[in-house]
Every structure is written in structure tokens, then in C-alpha cells.
Amino acid sequence: MIDFEALLKVSYGLYIVCSGNKDKGNGFISNSVFQVTAEPAKFAVCCNKENFTANLIKESKAFSLSVLQKETPAALIGRFGFKSGKDIDKLQESDVIFGKTGVPIVLNETIAYLECLLVDTFDVGTHLIFIGELVQAEILDDKKDP
């Protein structure tokens, strides 16, 4: 027997995963981000194949992870979680920097960010799991909870 309510007990953070460049960038809300190795540090991101950012990650071979603070406003989550980058420029109203790899990094409500070079991709059906090697990371606010 599988009690699917048990799945609701698995804890997640919220992240904005971005990719692309200064000319064409996008991001999405993800709760499926985790560290997979320590030396060198590598992170996994799960992304729906239909997601606009999935193609940007494949093209740019890099992605960023913005760790959102616990009190992130619903409007920011809605922009990156419920709207498509095919229809709107999600980064237009955001505070964005471009990292070491050239990918956008969203700073709004971000307490830390990580930037990764794509090293592997796994097709798991409806989604892709992207594995990236950490090339840059910074804490922006160590007082707020993720």
C-alpha cells in the first residue's frame, strides 16, 4: 500500500532556476533542487520538458539557483511559477545580475545563489534532471530562513 499523504511530509525549499543570457533569459520556480556530490560540488534540478527554461539550460549549458527566503511574496512565486516565459519576460521586472557563466541570477527575495555549469542531463519521462557543477555561490542574507 502507498499512502500518498506521506509524500506531503517530504520537505522542500523554493528556488528560482534561471538560464539563458542577457538577450534571452528565463526562470521558473522549483522545489526539486538538491546537492548530489561534495567534491566537486554538483547540484540536480528537475524541470518539466515543456518548460521554456529547459531549452535555455540545454543551449547555454549552465543554470543558476536563487534560494528564496521563507517570506517570499506570492506575486514573485506566481510570476516565476504560474506564467510561461514563452508569453512574458519574467526577468523584466526583476533585480537580475549575470553570473560567471553569463546566465541570469534573480536577486529578488534571494538569500543565496549558486551558479552551475551543466555536466549531465537525465530524461526521466515528463521531466529532465539537469546536473550542474558549482562554479560560483554567494550568501546575500544570512539572517533570513530559506
N, C-alpha and C. Protein backbone atom coordinates (compact mmCIF):
# COMPACT_ATOMS: atom_id res chain seq x y z
N MET A 1 0.83 -1.18 0.00
CA MET A 1 0.00 0.00 0.00
C MET A 1 0.88 1.26 0.00
N ILE A 2 0.47 2.26 -0.75
CA ILE A 2 1.16 3.56 -0.75
C ILE A 2 0.21 4.61 -0.21
N ASP A 3 0.61 5.22 0.90
CA ASP A 3 -0.16 6.33 1.45
C ASP A 3 0.42 7.61 0.86
N PHE A 4 -0.23 8.18 -0.15
CA PHE A 4 0.29 9.35 -0.84
C PHE A 4 0.36 10.59 0.06
N GLU A 5 -0.34 10.58 1.17
CA GLU A 5 -0.23 11.68 2.14
C GLU A 5 1.18 11.73 2.72
N ALA A 6 1.85 10.60 2.76
CA ALA A 6 3.23 10.56 3.28
C ALA A 6 4.15 11.41 2.42
N LEU A 7 3.86 11.54 1.13
CA LEU A 7 4.69 12.37 0.24
C LEU A 7 4.66 13.84 0.64
N LEU A 8 3.56 14.26 1.28
CA LEU A 8 3.46 15.65 1.72
C LEU A 8 4.38 15.95 2.90
N LYS A 9 4.95 14.94 3.49
CA LYS A 9 5.87 15.11 4.62
C LYS A 9 7.31 15.33 4.16
N VAL A 10 7.59 15.13 2.88
CA VAL A 10 8.93 15.37 2.34
C VAL A 10 9.11 16.89 2.24
N SER A 11 10.17 17.40 2.84
CA SER A 11 10.35 18.85 2.86
C SER A 11 11.08 19.34 1.61
N TYR A 12 10.76 20.54 1.22
CA TYR A 12 11.34 21.17 0.04
C TYR A 12 11.64 22.63 0.34
N GLY A 13 12.60 23.18 -0.39
CA GLY A 13 12.80 24.62 -0.40
C GLY A 13 12.15 25.16 -1.66
N LEU A 14 12.21 26.46 -1.84
CA LEU A 14 11.75 27.06 -3.09
C LEU A 14 12.90 27.83 -3.70
N TYR A 15 13.05 27.66 -5.00
CA TYR A 15 14.17 28.23 -5.74
C TYR A 15 13.64 28.84 -7.04
N ILE A 16 14.36 29.83 -7.54
CA ILE A 16 14.16 30.26 -8.91
C ILE A 16 15.36 29.73 -9.68
N VAL A 17 15.08 28.91 -10.67
CA VAL A 17 16.12 28.34 -11.53
C VAL A 17 16.10 29.15 -12.82
N CYS A 18 17.25 29.72 -13.19
CA CYS A 18 17.34 30.55 -14.39
C CYS A 18 18.40 30.02 -15.35
N SER A 19 18.21 30.40 -16.61
CA SER A 19 19.23 30.11 -17.61
C SER A 19 19.04 31.07 -18.77
N GLY A 20 19.93 30.97 -19.73
CA GLY A 20 19.89 31.87 -20.88
C GLY A 20 21.04 32.85 -20.82
N ASN A 21 20.78 34.08 -21.31
CA ASN A 21 21.81 35.11 -21.34
C ASN A 21 21.13 36.48 -21.30
N LYS A 22 21.90 37.55 -21.54
CA LYS A 22 21.34 38.92 -21.48
C LYS A 22 20.29 39.16 -22.55
N ASP A 23 20.38 38.47 -23.67
CA ASP A 23 19.42 38.66 -24.75
C ASP A 23 18.15 37.84 -24.57
N LYS A 24 18.28 36.64 -24.04
CA LYS A 24 17.14 35.74 -23.88
C LYS A 24 17.35 34.90 -22.63
N GLY A 25 16.65 35.28 -21.56
CA GLY A 25 16.77 34.55 -20.31
C GLY A 25 15.40 34.25 -19.75
N ASN A 26 15.35 33.30 -18.84
CA ASN A 26 14.08 32.93 -18.22
C ASN A 26 14.36 32.16 -16.94
N GLY A 27 13.32 31.99 -16.16
CA GLY A 27 13.45 31.24 -14.93
C GLY A 27 12.13 30.62 -14.53
N PHE A 28 12.20 29.66 -13.60
CA PHE A 28 10.99 29.01 -13.10
C PHE A 28 11.16 28.68 -11.63
N ILE A 29 10.03 28.54 -10.94
CA ILE A 29 10.03 28.13 -9.55
C ILE A 29 10.23 26.62 -9.49
N SER A 30 11.12 26.20 -8.60
CA SER A 30 11.35 24.76 -8.43
C SER A 30 11.44 24.43 -6.94
N ASN A 31 10.91 23.28 -6.59
CA ASN A 31 11.13 22.75 -5.25
C ASN A 31 11.93 21.45 -5.34
N SER A 32 12.44 21.18 -6.53
CA SER A 32 13.20 19.95 -6.77
C SER A 32 14.65 20.27 -7.12
N VAL A 33 15.39 20.71 -6.11
CA VAL A 33 16.80 21.04 -6.23
C VAL A 33 17.52 20.35 -5.09
N PHE A 34 18.65 19.68 -5.38
CA PHE A 34 19.39 19.06 -4.30
C PHE A 34 20.84 18.85 -4.68
N GLN A 35 21.70 18.83 -3.67
CA GLN A 35 23.12 18.58 -3.89
C GLN A 35 23.33 17.09 -4.06
N VAL A 36 24.10 16.71 -5.10
CA VAL A 36 24.32 15.29 -5.37
C VAL A 36 25.74 14.82 -5.09
N THR A 37 26.73 15.73 -5.10
CA THR A 37 28.10 15.37 -4.75
C THR A 37 28.74 16.52 -3.98
N ALA A 38 29.83 16.20 -3.27
CA ALA A 38 30.53 17.21 -2.49
C ALA A 38 31.81 17.69 -3.18
N GLU A 39 32.57 16.79 -3.77
CA GLU A 39 33.86 17.11 -4.39
C GLU A 39 33.93 16.57 -5.80
N PRO A 40 33.74 17.34 -6.81
CA PRO A 40 33.32 18.73 -6.78
C PRO A 40 31.82 18.82 -6.47
N ALA A 41 31.43 19.94 -5.94
CA ALA A 41 30.02 20.14 -5.59
C ALA A 41 29.17 20.16 -6.86
N LYS A 42 28.15 19.30 -6.88
CA LYS A 42 27.22 19.23 -8.02
C LYS A 42 25.80 19.26 -7.49
N PHE A 43 24.92 19.90 -8.28
CA PHE A 43 23.53 20.04 -7.90
C PHE A 43 22.63 19.52 -9.01
N ALA A 44 21.49 18.97 -8.60
CA ALA A 44 20.49 18.48 -9.54
C ALA A 44 19.27 19.38 -9.51
N VAL A 45 18.70 19.62 -10.68
CA VAL A 45 17.48 20.41 -10.84
C VAL A 45 16.53 19.60 -11.71
N CYS A 46 15.30 19.47 -11.27
CA CYS A 46 14.29 18.75 -12.04
C CYS A 46 13.41 19.78 -12.75
N CYS A 47 13.20 19.56 -14.07
CA CYS A 47 12.48 20.54 -14.89
C CYS A 47 11.59 19.82 -15.90
N ASN A 48 10.35 20.24 -15.99
CA ASN A 48 9.44 19.70 -16.99
C ASN A 48 10.00 19.94 -18.38
N LYS A 49 9.92 18.94 -19.24
CA LYS A 49 10.46 19.05 -20.60
C LYS A 49 9.82 20.18 -21.39
N GLU A 50 8.55 20.51 -21.08
CA GLU A 50 7.83 21.55 -21.81
C GLU A 50 8.18 22.96 -21.30
N ASN A 51 8.91 23.04 -20.20
CA ASN A 51 9.26 24.32 -19.61
C ASN A 51 10.21 25.09 -20.55
N PHE A 52 9.92 26.37 -20.77
CA PHE A 52 10.73 27.22 -21.65
C PHE A 52 12.20 27.22 -21.21
N THR A 53 12.44 27.21 -19.91
CA THR A 53 13.81 27.26 -19.39
C THR A 53 14.59 25.98 -19.68
N ALA A 54 13.91 24.85 -19.86
CA ALA A 54 14.60 23.60 -20.14
C ALA A 54 15.47 23.74 -21.39
N ASN A 55 14.93 24.34 -22.43
CA ASN A 55 15.71 24.54 -23.66
C ASN A 55 16.85 25.52 -23.45
N LEU A 56 16.63 26.54 -22.62
CA LEU A 56 17.70 27.50 -22.35
C LEU A 56 18.86 26.84 -21.60
N ILE A 57 18.54 25.95 -20.68
CA ILE A 57 19.60 25.23 -19.96
C ILE A 57 20.39 24.36 -20.94
N LYS A 58 19.69 23.67 -21.82
CA LYS A 58 20.38 22.83 -22.81
C LYS A 58 21.25 23.67 -23.75
N GLU A 59 20.75 24.85 -24.15
CA GLU A 59 21.50 25.71 -25.07
C GLU A 59 22.71 26.36 -24.41
N SER A 60 22.52 26.92 -23.21
CA SER A 60 23.59 27.67 -22.56
C SER A 60 24.55 26.79 -21.77
N LYS A 61 24.11 25.56 -21.47
CA LYS A 61 24.93 24.61 -20.71
C LYS A 61 25.28 25.14 -19.31
N ALA A 62 24.35 25.93 -18.74
CA ALA A 62 24.55 26.48 -17.41
C ALA A 62 23.20 26.87 -16.82
N PHE A 63 23.15 26.99 -15.48
CA PHE A 63 21.93 27.47 -14.81
C PHE A 63 22.31 28.07 -13.47
N SER A 64 21.39 28.90 -12.96
CA SER A 64 21.57 29.47 -11.64
C SER A 64 20.43 29.03 -10.74
N LEU A 65 20.69 29.04 -9.43
CA LEU A 65 19.70 28.70 -8.41
C LEU A 65 19.64 29.86 -7.43
N SER A 66 18.50 30.51 -7.34
CA SER A 66 18.29 31.56 -6.34
C SER A 66 17.50 30.93 -5.20
N VAL A 67 18.09 30.89 -4.00
CA VAL A 67 17.44 30.33 -2.83
C VAL A 67 16.52 31.40 -2.26
N LEU A 68 15.22 31.14 -2.29
CA LEU A 68 14.25 32.13 -1.84
C LEU A 68 14.06 32.09 -0.34
N GLN A 69 13.85 33.29 0.23
CA GLN A 69 13.59 33.38 1.66
C GLN A 69 12.18 32.88 1.97
N LYS A 70 11.98 32.47 3.21
CA LYS A 70 10.72 31.88 3.66
C LYS A 70 9.52 32.80 3.42
N GLU A 71 9.68 34.10 3.56
CA GLU A 71 8.58 35.05 3.43
C GLU A 71 8.47 35.65 2.03
N THR A 72 8.88 34.94 1.00
CA THR A 72 8.80 35.44 -0.37
C THR A 72 7.35 35.72 -0.74
N PRO A 73 7.06 36.90 -1.28
CA PRO A 73 5.68 37.25 -1.65
C PRO A 73 5.13 36.34 -2.75
N ALA A 74 3.83 36.09 -2.65
CA ALA A 74 3.15 35.23 -3.62
C ALA A 74 3.27 35.77 -5.05
N ALA A 75 3.36 37.08 -5.21
CA ALA A 75 3.44 37.66 -6.56
C ALA A 75 4.71 37.21 -7.28
N LEU A 76 5.83 37.14 -6.57
CA LEU A 76 7.08 36.68 -7.19
C LEU A 76 6.99 35.19 -7.53
N ILE A 77 6.46 34.41 -6.62
CA ILE A 77 6.29 32.98 -6.88
C ILE A 77 5.34 32.78 -8.07
N GLY A 78 4.29 33.58 -8.13
CA GLY A 78 3.34 33.48 -9.23
C GLY A 78 3.96 33.82 -10.57
N ARG A 79 4.78 34.87 -10.61
CA ARG A 79 5.40 35.26 -11.87
C ARG A 79 6.31 34.16 -12.42
N PHE A 80 7.09 33.56 -11.54
CA PHE A 80 8.03 32.54 -12.00
C PHE A 80 7.43 31.13 -11.98
N GLY A 81 6.29 30.96 -11.28
CA GLY A 81 5.72 29.63 -11.15
C GLY A 81 4.48 29.36 -11.98
N PHE A 82 3.71 30.41 -12.30
CA PHE A 82 2.43 30.17 -12.96
C PHE A 82 2.31 30.86 -14.32
N LYS A 83 3.39 31.46 -14.78
CA LYS A 83 3.39 32.13 -16.09
C LYS A 83 4.52 31.54 -16.92
N SER A 84 4.33 31.56 -18.23
CA SER A 84 5.34 30.98 -19.12
C SER A 84 6.24 32.06 -19.71
N GLY A 85 7.52 31.76 -19.78
CA GLY A 85 8.48 32.64 -20.43
C GLY A 85 8.25 32.73 -21.93
N LYS A 86 7.41 31.85 -22.46
CA LYS A 86 7.02 31.94 -23.87
C LYS A 86 6.10 33.12 -24.09
N ASP A 87 5.39 33.54 -23.01
CA ASP A 87 4.39 34.60 -23.10
C ASP A 87 4.83 35.94 -22.53
N ILE A 88 5.67 35.92 -21.51
CA ILE A 88 6.12 37.16 -20.87
C ILE A 88 7.62 37.09 -20.59
N ASP A 89 8.22 38.26 -20.40
CA ASP A 89 9.62 38.35 -19.98
C ASP A 89 9.63 38.40 -18.46
N LYS A 90 9.83 37.27 -17.83
CA LYS A 90 9.79 37.18 -16.37
C LYS A 90 10.90 37.99 -15.70
N LEU A 91 12.01 38.17 -16.40
CA LEU A 91 13.14 38.86 -15.80
C LEU A 91 13.01 40.38 -15.87
N GLN A 92 12.09 40.88 -16.69
CA GLN A 92 11.97 42.32 -16.92
C GLN A 92 11.75 43.12 -15.64
N GLU A 93 10.93 42.62 -14.74
CA GLU A 93 10.63 43.34 -13.51
C GLU A 93 11.46 42.84 -12.32
N SER A 94 12.51 42.11 -12.61
CA SER A 94 13.31 41.50 -11.55
C SER A 94 14.66 42.19 -11.43
N ASP A 95 15.23 42.08 -10.24
CA ASP A 95 16.59 42.54 -9.99
C ASP A 95 17.50 41.38 -10.38
N VAL A 96 18.21 41.53 -11.50
CA VAL A 96 18.98 40.43 -12.08
C VAL A 96 20.44 40.84 -12.27
N ILE A 97 21.33 39.90 -11.96
CA ILE A 97 22.73 40.04 -12.35
C ILE A 97 23.06 38.86 -13.26
N PHE A 98 24.17 38.95 -13.95
CA PHE A 98 24.59 37.86 -14.82
C PHE A 98 25.88 37.30 -14.26
N GLY A 99 25.87 36.00 -14.05
CA GLY A 99 26.96 35.34 -13.36
C GLY A 99 28.17 35.06 -14.21
N LYS A 100 29.06 34.31 -13.62
CA LYS A 100 30.33 33.91 -14.23
C LYS A 100 30.12 33.22 -15.59
N THR A 101 29.02 32.47 -15.72
CA THR A 101 28.73 31.75 -16.95
C THR A 101 27.88 32.58 -17.92
N GLY A 102 27.42 33.74 -17.45
CA GLY A 102 26.58 34.59 -18.28
C GLY A 102 25.09 34.38 -18.08
N VAL A 103 24.69 33.40 -17.24
CA VAL A 103 23.27 33.17 -17.02
C VAL A 103 22.71 34.20 -16.04
N PRO A 104 21.40 34.50 -16.17
CA PRO A 104 20.78 35.43 -15.22
C PRO A 104 20.65 34.80 -13.83
N ILE A 105 20.76 35.68 -12.83
CA ILE A 105 20.57 35.27 -11.44
C ILE A 105 19.59 36.28 -10.84
N VAL A 106 18.44 35.80 -10.38
CA VAL A 106 17.42 36.66 -9.78
C VAL A 106 17.80 36.93 -8.33
N LEU A 107 17.80 38.22 -7.96
CA LEU A 107 18.18 38.61 -6.60
C LEU A 107 16.97 38.92 -5.71
N ASN A 108 15.80 39.14 -6.29
CA ASN A 108 14.60 39.45 -5.51
C ASN A 108 14.32 38.33 -4.51
N GLU A 109 14.24 38.68 -3.23
CA GLU A 109 13.90 37.73 -2.16
C GLU A 109 14.90 36.59 -2.02
N THR A 110 16.07 36.74 -2.62
CA THR A 110 17.09 35.69 -2.63
C THR A 110 18.03 35.85 -1.45
N ILE A 111 18.24 34.75 -0.71
CA ILE A 111 19.16 34.80 0.42
C ILE A 111 20.53 34.23 0.07
N ALA A 112 20.58 33.46 -1.01
CA ALA A 112 21.85 32.93 -1.52
C ALA A 112 21.62 32.49 -2.96
N TYR A 113 22.69 32.46 -3.72
CA TYR A 113 22.56 31.93 -5.07
C TYR A 113 23.74 31.03 -5.40
N LEU A 114 23.49 30.13 -6.34
CA LEU A 114 24.50 29.20 -6.83
C LEU A 114 24.46 29.24 -8.35
N GLU A 115 25.59 29.07 -8.95
CA GLU A 115 25.68 29.05 -10.41
C GLU A 115 26.43 27.78 -10.81
N CYS A 116 25.87 27.07 -11.79
CA CYS A 116 26.41 25.76 -12.17
C CYS A 116 26.59 25.63 -13.68
N LEU A 117 27.62 24.92 -14.06
CA LEU A 117 27.82 24.50 -15.44
C LEU A 117 27.18 23.14 -15.62
N LEU A 118 26.41 22.97 -16.67
CA LEU A 118 25.73 21.71 -16.95
C LEU A 118 26.75 20.62 -17.28
N VAL A 119 26.67 19.49 -16.56
CA VAL A 119 27.59 18.38 -16.83
C VAL A 119 26.86 17.12 -17.28
N ASP A 120 25.55 17.04 -17.01
CA ASP A 120 24.81 15.85 -17.42
C ASP A 120 23.32 16.14 -17.41
N THR A 121 22.58 15.39 -18.21
CA THR A 121 21.13 15.50 -18.28
C THR A 121 20.53 14.11 -18.32
N PHE A 122 19.50 13.90 -17.52
CA PHE A 122 18.82 12.61 -17.49
C PHE A 122 17.35 12.80 -17.86
N ASP A 123 16.88 12.03 -18.80
CA ASP A 123 15.48 12.04 -19.20
C ASP A 123 14.74 11.07 -18.30
N VAL A 124 13.79 11.58 -17.52
CA VAL A 124 13.06 10.73 -16.58
C VAL A 124 11.56 10.71 -16.89
N GLY A 125 11.24 10.84 -18.16
CA GLY A 125 9.83 10.79 -18.59
C GLY A 125 9.33 12.18 -18.93
N THR A 126 8.45 12.72 -18.10
CA THR A 126 7.90 14.06 -18.35
C THR A 126 8.91 15.15 -18.03
N HIS A 127 9.94 14.82 -17.27
CA HIS A 127 10.90 15.80 -16.79
C HIS A 127 12.33 15.44 -17.20
N LEU A 128 13.18 16.44 -17.10
CA LEU A 128 14.62 16.27 -17.25
C LEU A 128 15.27 16.59 -15.91
N ILE A 129 16.29 15.84 -15.56
CA ILE A 129 17.10 16.18 -14.40
C ILE A 129 18.42 16.70 -14.93
N PHE A 130 18.70 17.95 -14.63
CA PHE A 130 19.95 18.58 -15.03
C PHE A 130 20.93 18.50 -13.87
N ILE A 131 22.15 18.07 -14.13
CA ILE A 131 23.20 18.03 -13.12
C ILE A 131 24.22 19.11 -13.48
N GLY A 132 24.50 19.98 -12.53
CA GLY A 132 25.44 21.06 -12.76
C GLY A 132 26.55 21.09 -11.73
N GLU A 133 27.75 21.43 -12.18
CA GLU A 133 28.88 21.58 -11.27
C GLU A 133 28.96 23.03 -10.82
N LEU A 134 29.05 23.21 -9.52
CA LEU A 134 29.07 24.54 -8.92
C LEU A 134 30.31 25.32 -9.35
N VAL A 135 30.11 26.55 -9.85
CA VAL A 135 31.23 27.40 -10.24
C VAL A 135 31.24 28.72 -9.46
N GLN A 136 30.11 29.04 -8.83
CA GLN A 136 30.03 30.29 -8.06
C GLN A 136 28.88 30.16 -7.07
N ALA A 137 29.05 30.72 -5.88
CA ALA A 137 27.99 30.73 -4.87
C ALA A 137 28.22 31.92 -3.95
N GLU A 138 27.12 32.51 -3.50
CA GLU A 138 27.25 33.66 -2.60
C GLU A 138 26.04 33.73 -1.68
N ILE A 139 26.29 34.04 -0.41
CA ILE A 139 25.23 34.32 0.55
C ILE A 139 24.93 35.80 0.48
N LEU A 140 23.65 36.15 0.33
CA LEU A 140 23.24 37.55 0.28
C LEU A 140 22.63 38.02 1.59
N ASP A 141 22.00 37.10 2.34
CA ASP A 141 21.38 37.44 3.61
C ASP A 141 21.38 36.21 4.51
N ASP A 142 22.23 36.24 5.54
CA ASP A 142 22.31 35.08 6.42
C ASP A 142 21.39 35.17 7.64
N LYS A 143 20.53 36.20 7.65
CA LYS A 143 19.60 36.39 8.76
C LYS A 143 18.22 35.77 8.48
N LYS A 144 17.87 35.58 7.22
CA LYS A 144 16.54 35.07 6.85
C LYS A 144 16.61 33.57 6.60
N ASP A 145 15.47 32.91 6.85
CA ASP A 145 15.38 31.47 6.64
C ASP A 145 14.99 31.15 5.21
N PRO A 146 15.50 30.04 4.68
CA PRO A 146 15.11 29.63 3.31
C PRO A 146 13.70 29.04 3.29
